[in-house]
N, C-alpha and C. Protein backbone atom coordinates (compact mmCIF):
# COMPACT_ATOMS: atom_id res chain seq x y z
N MET A 1 10.41 140.70 -20.50
CA MET A 1 10.24 140.67 -19.06
C MET A 1 10.83 141.94 -18.46
N THR A 2 10.18 142.47 -17.45
CA THR A 2 10.64 143.70 -16.81
C THR A 2 10.79 143.50 -15.31
N LYS A 3 11.51 144.42 -14.69
CA LYS A 3 11.62 144.47 -13.24
C LYS A 3 11.39 145.91 -12.81
N THR A 4 10.81 146.05 -11.63
CA THR A 4 10.60 147.37 -11.05
C THR A 4 11.63 147.58 -9.96
N LEU A 5 12.33 148.70 -10.04
CA LEU A 5 13.35 149.03 -9.05
C LEU A 5 12.84 150.12 -8.12
N TYR A 6 13.19 150.00 -6.86
CA TYR A 6 12.85 150.98 -5.83
C TYR A 6 14.03 151.94 -5.70
N PHE A 7 13.74 153.23 -5.69
CA PHE A 7 14.76 154.27 -5.47
C PHE A 7 14.36 155.02 -4.21
N GLY A 8 15.15 154.86 -3.15
CA GLY A 8 14.85 155.51 -1.88
C GLY A 8 15.84 156.61 -1.57
N ASN A 9 15.43 157.49 -0.65
CA ASN A 9 16.24 158.63 -0.19
C ASN A 9 16.50 159.63 -1.32
N LEU A 10 15.51 159.80 -2.19
CA LEU A 10 15.63 160.76 -3.28
C LEU A 10 15.52 162.19 -2.75
N PRO A 11 16.24 163.13 -3.35
CA PRO A 11 16.03 164.53 -2.99
C PRO A 11 14.57 164.91 -3.29
N TRP A 12 14.01 165.79 -2.47
CA TRP A 12 12.59 166.14 -2.59
C TRP A 12 12.22 166.73 -3.94
N ALA A 13 13.14 167.39 -4.60
CA ALA A 13 12.84 168.07 -5.86
C ALA A 13 12.92 167.17 -7.10
N VAL A 14 13.32 165.92 -6.94
CA VAL A 14 13.46 165.01 -8.09
C VAL A 14 12.10 164.75 -8.72
N THR A 15 12.07 164.82 -10.05
CA THR A 15 10.84 164.56 -10.81
C THR A 15 10.98 163.20 -11.51
N PRO A 16 9.86 162.67 -12.00
CA PRO A 16 9.97 161.42 -12.77
C PRO A 16 10.91 161.56 -13.98
N GLU A 17 10.94 162.74 -14.58
CA GLU A 17 11.84 162.97 -15.73
C GLU A 17 13.31 162.91 -15.28
N ASP A 18 13.61 163.49 -14.11
CA ASP A 18 14.98 163.43 -13.58
C ASP A 18 15.39 161.97 -13.34
N LEU A 19 14.48 161.21 -12.76
CA LEU A 19 14.76 159.80 -12.48
C LEU A 19 14.98 159.03 -13.77
N THR A 20 14.14 159.29 -14.77
CA THR A 20 14.30 158.66 -16.08
C THR A 20 15.66 158.98 -16.67
N ASN A 21 16.04 160.26 -16.63
CA ASN A 21 17.33 160.68 -17.19
C ASN A 21 18.51 160.01 -16.49
N ALA A 22 18.43 159.85 -15.18
CA ALA A 22 19.51 159.22 -14.43
C ALA A 22 19.67 157.74 -14.81
N VAL A 23 18.55 157.04 -14.96
CA VAL A 23 18.61 155.61 -15.25
C VAL A 23 18.90 155.35 -16.73
N THR A 24 18.47 156.24 -17.61
CA THR A 24 18.69 156.07 -19.05
C THR A 24 20.17 155.99 -19.38
N GLN A 25 21.03 156.51 -18.55
CA GLN A 25 22.47 156.40 -18.76
C GLN A 25 22.94 154.94 -18.68
N HIS A 26 22.11 154.09 -18.05
CA HIS A 26 22.50 152.69 -17.83
C HIS A 26 21.66 151.70 -18.63
N CYS A 27 20.41 152.06 -18.95
CA CYS A 27 19.54 151.19 -19.74
C CYS A 27 18.26 151.92 -20.11
N GLU A 28 17.46 151.26 -20.92
CA GLU A 28 16.16 151.80 -21.32
C GLU A 28 15.23 151.85 -20.11
N VAL A 29 14.46 152.94 -20.00
CA VAL A 29 13.48 153.09 -18.94
C VAL A 29 12.09 152.92 -19.54
N LEU A 30 11.31 152.00 -18.98
CA LEU A 30 9.97 151.76 -19.47
C LEU A 30 8.95 152.66 -18.77
N SER A 31 9.18 152.96 -17.49
CA SER A 31 8.34 153.92 -16.77
C SER A 31 9.07 154.36 -15.52
N ALA A 32 8.72 155.54 -15.02
CA ALA A 32 9.28 156.05 -13.78
C ALA A 32 8.21 156.86 -13.08
N ARG A 33 8.15 156.70 -11.76
CA ARG A 33 7.19 157.50 -11.00
C ARG A 33 7.75 157.80 -9.61
N ILE A 34 7.33 158.93 -9.09
CA ILE A 34 7.73 159.36 -7.76
C ILE A 34 6.50 159.25 -6.87
N ALA A 35 6.66 158.67 -5.69
CA ALA A 35 5.54 158.58 -4.74
C ALA A 35 5.29 159.96 -4.16
N THR A 36 4.02 160.35 -4.11
CA THR A 36 3.67 161.67 -3.58
C THR A 36 2.66 161.53 -2.45
N ASP A 37 2.65 162.51 -1.58
CA ASP A 37 1.70 162.58 -0.49
C ASP A 37 0.32 162.88 -1.05
N ARG A 38 -0.68 162.14 -0.65
CA ARG A 38 -2.03 162.33 -1.18
C ARG A 38 -2.61 163.71 -0.87
N GLU A 39 -2.31 164.24 0.30
CA GLU A 39 -2.88 165.52 0.70
C GLU A 39 -2.15 166.72 0.13
N THR A 40 -0.83 166.68 0.12
CA THR A 40 -0.06 167.85 -0.31
C THR A 40 0.46 167.75 -1.73
N GLY A 41 0.56 166.52 -2.27
CA GLY A 41 1.11 166.34 -3.61
C GLY A 41 2.62 166.41 -3.65
N ARG A 42 3.26 166.59 -2.49
CA ARG A 42 4.73 166.67 -2.45
C ARG A 42 5.36 165.28 -2.46
N SER A 43 6.59 165.22 -2.94
CA SER A 43 7.34 163.97 -3.00
C SER A 43 7.47 163.36 -1.61
N ARG A 44 7.41 162.03 -1.56
CA ARG A 44 7.64 161.31 -0.31
C ARG A 44 9.09 160.83 -0.22
N GLY A 45 9.92 161.17 -1.22
CA GLY A 45 11.34 160.84 -1.17
C GLY A 45 11.71 159.49 -1.72
N PHE A 46 10.76 158.83 -2.40
CA PHE A 46 11.11 157.56 -3.04
C PHE A 46 10.31 157.42 -4.32
N GLY A 47 10.78 156.50 -5.19
CA GLY A 47 10.10 156.29 -6.45
C GLY A 47 10.40 154.92 -7.01
N PHE A 48 9.84 154.65 -8.18
CA PHE A 48 9.98 153.34 -8.82
C PHE A 48 10.29 153.53 -10.30
N VAL A 49 11.16 152.68 -10.81
CA VAL A 49 11.53 152.71 -12.22
C VAL A 49 11.41 151.29 -12.77
N GLU A 50 10.73 151.17 -13.90
CA GLU A 50 10.59 149.87 -14.55
C GLU A 50 11.63 149.78 -15.67
N VAL A 51 12.43 148.71 -15.64
CA VAL A 51 13.50 148.50 -16.61
C VAL A 51 13.45 147.07 -17.13
N PRO A 52 14.14 146.78 -18.26
CA PRO A 52 14.22 145.40 -18.72
C PRO A 52 14.89 144.53 -17.64
N ALA A 53 14.36 143.34 -17.42
CA ALA A 53 14.83 142.46 -16.35
C ALA A 53 16.33 142.16 -16.45
N ASP A 54 16.84 142.02 -17.67
CA ASP A 54 18.26 141.67 -17.81
C ASP A 54 19.20 142.84 -17.51
N LYS A 55 18.66 144.03 -17.34
CA LYS A 55 19.49 145.21 -17.04
C LYS A 55 19.35 145.67 -15.59
N ALA A 56 18.42 145.09 -14.84
CA ALA A 56 18.13 145.56 -13.49
C ALA A 56 19.35 145.52 -12.57
N GLU A 57 20.06 144.42 -12.57
CA GLU A 57 21.23 144.29 -11.67
C GLU A 57 22.31 145.32 -12.00
N ALA A 58 22.49 145.64 -13.27
CA ALA A 58 23.48 146.64 -13.66
C ALA A 58 23.09 148.02 -13.14
N VAL A 59 21.80 148.35 -13.20
CA VAL A 59 21.33 149.64 -12.69
C VAL A 59 21.52 149.69 -11.17
N ILE A 60 21.16 148.61 -10.48
CA ILE A 60 21.34 148.57 -9.03
C ILE A 60 22.81 148.74 -8.67
N ALA A 61 23.69 148.02 -9.35
CA ALA A 61 25.13 148.11 -9.07
C ALA A 61 25.66 149.52 -9.31
N ALA A 62 25.16 150.18 -10.35
CA ALA A 62 25.66 151.51 -10.70
C ALA A 62 25.12 152.61 -9.79
N LEU A 63 23.87 152.49 -9.33
CA LEU A 63 23.25 153.61 -8.63
C LEU A 63 23.00 153.41 -7.14
N ASN A 64 23.04 152.17 -6.64
CA ASN A 64 22.85 151.98 -5.20
C ASN A 64 24.01 152.62 -4.45
N GLU A 65 23.69 153.42 -3.45
CA GLU A 65 24.64 154.16 -2.62
C GLU A 65 25.32 155.31 -3.36
N ALA A 66 24.86 155.62 -4.59
CA ALA A 66 25.38 156.79 -5.29
C ALA A 66 24.82 158.05 -4.62
N GLU A 67 25.51 159.16 -4.75
CA GLU A 67 25.04 160.41 -4.15
C GLU A 67 24.29 161.22 -5.18
N TRP A 68 23.16 161.79 -4.74
CA TRP A 68 22.35 162.64 -5.61
C TRP A 68 21.81 163.77 -4.74
N GLY A 69 22.21 164.97 -5.06
CA GLY A 69 21.75 166.13 -4.30
C GLY A 69 22.12 166.06 -2.83
N GLY A 70 23.28 165.51 -2.53
CA GLY A 70 23.73 165.41 -1.14
C GLY A 70 23.12 164.26 -0.37
N ARG A 71 22.40 163.38 -1.04
CA ARG A 71 21.76 162.25 -0.37
C ARG A 71 22.27 160.94 -0.99
N GLN A 72 22.44 159.93 -0.15
CA GLN A 72 22.90 158.63 -0.62
C GLN A 72 21.67 157.79 -0.99
N LEU A 73 21.61 157.40 -2.26
CA LEU A 73 20.46 156.64 -2.76
C LEU A 73 20.46 155.20 -2.26
N THR A 74 19.26 154.67 -2.13
CA THR A 74 19.05 153.24 -1.91
C THR A 74 18.33 152.73 -3.14
N VAL A 75 18.94 151.79 -3.84
CA VAL A 75 18.33 151.23 -5.05
C VAL A 75 18.34 149.72 -4.93
N ASN A 76 17.16 149.12 -5.06
CA ASN A 76 17.06 147.66 -5.05
C ASN A 76 15.79 147.25 -5.79
N GLU A 77 15.61 145.94 -5.93
CA GLU A 77 14.41 145.46 -6.59
C GLU A 77 13.21 145.71 -5.70
N ALA A 78 12.17 146.29 -6.27
CA ALA A 78 10.96 146.60 -5.50
C ALA A 78 10.28 145.32 -5.05
N GLN A 79 9.75 145.36 -3.85
CA GLN A 79 9.02 144.22 -3.29
C GLN A 79 7.52 144.50 -3.41
N PRO A 80 6.70 143.47 -3.58
CA PRO A 80 5.25 143.70 -3.65
C PRO A 80 4.74 144.34 -2.36
N ARG A 81 3.77 145.20 -2.50
CA ARG A 81 3.18 145.86 -1.35
C ARG A 81 2.42 144.81 -0.53
N PRO A 82 2.62 144.79 0.80
CA PRO A 82 1.88 143.81 1.61
C PRO A 82 0.38 144.11 1.57
N GLU A 83 -0.42 143.07 1.69
CA GLU A 83 -1.87 143.27 1.69
C GLU A 83 -2.27 144.09 2.89
N ARG A 84 -3.23 144.97 2.67
CA ARG A 84 -3.73 145.79 3.77
C ARG A 84 -4.85 145.04 4.47
N THR A 85 -4.86 145.13 5.77
CA THR A 85 -5.92 144.50 6.54
C THR A 85 -6.88 145.58 7.01
N GLU A 86 -8.03 145.16 7.47
CA GLU A 86 -8.99 146.14 7.98
C GLU A 86 -8.41 146.83 9.18
N ARG A 87 -8.78 148.05 9.35
CA ARG A 87 -8.29 148.86 10.45
C ARG A 87 -8.91 148.39 11.76
N THR A 88 -8.08 148.15 12.74
CA THR A 88 -8.56 147.73 14.05
C THR A 88 -7.97 148.64 15.10
N GLU A 89 -8.41 148.48 16.32
CA GLU A 89 -7.86 149.31 17.40
C GLU A 89 -6.35 149.14 17.52
N ARG A 90 -5.87 147.91 17.36
CA ARG A 90 -4.43 147.66 17.48
C ARG A 90 -3.62 148.29 16.37
N SER A 91 -4.19 148.38 15.16
CA SER A 91 -3.41 148.91 14.05
C SER A 91 -3.65 150.39 13.84
N GLY A 92 -4.09 151.08 14.86
CA GLY A 92 -4.23 152.52 14.77
C GLY A 92 -5.67 152.98 14.60
N GLY A 93 -6.62 152.08 14.73
CA GLY A 93 -8.01 152.47 14.67
C GLY A 93 -8.32 153.40 15.82
N PHE A 94 -9.45 154.03 15.80
CA PHE A 94 -9.66 154.96 16.89
C PHE A 94 -10.78 154.53 17.79
N ARG A 95 -10.63 154.89 19.05
CA ARG A 95 -11.52 154.46 20.10
C ARG A 95 -12.27 155.66 20.65
N ARG A 96 -13.55 155.45 20.98
CA ARG A 96 -14.33 156.57 21.56
C ARG A 96 -14.48 156.42 23.03
């Protein structure tokens, strides 16, 4: 069983390899990815790491609020993405 952890407030230059290396000090990393902007390809400042479920709390305890590159990390269990609804005028659709 695995858990996916959310890493927020990452320095812009962090790569998936950097994230893997940071978490590997605490447990095995099954996958790591950094969210990027679709248009520019630049980091959006957050990422996700998949770890064994029994080690997730230890990683959160060790790295949540830790400093990396002058930024205080936010680390917690990732939540499922909410379902997207159709675009309407109220949710930012556009009107002519």
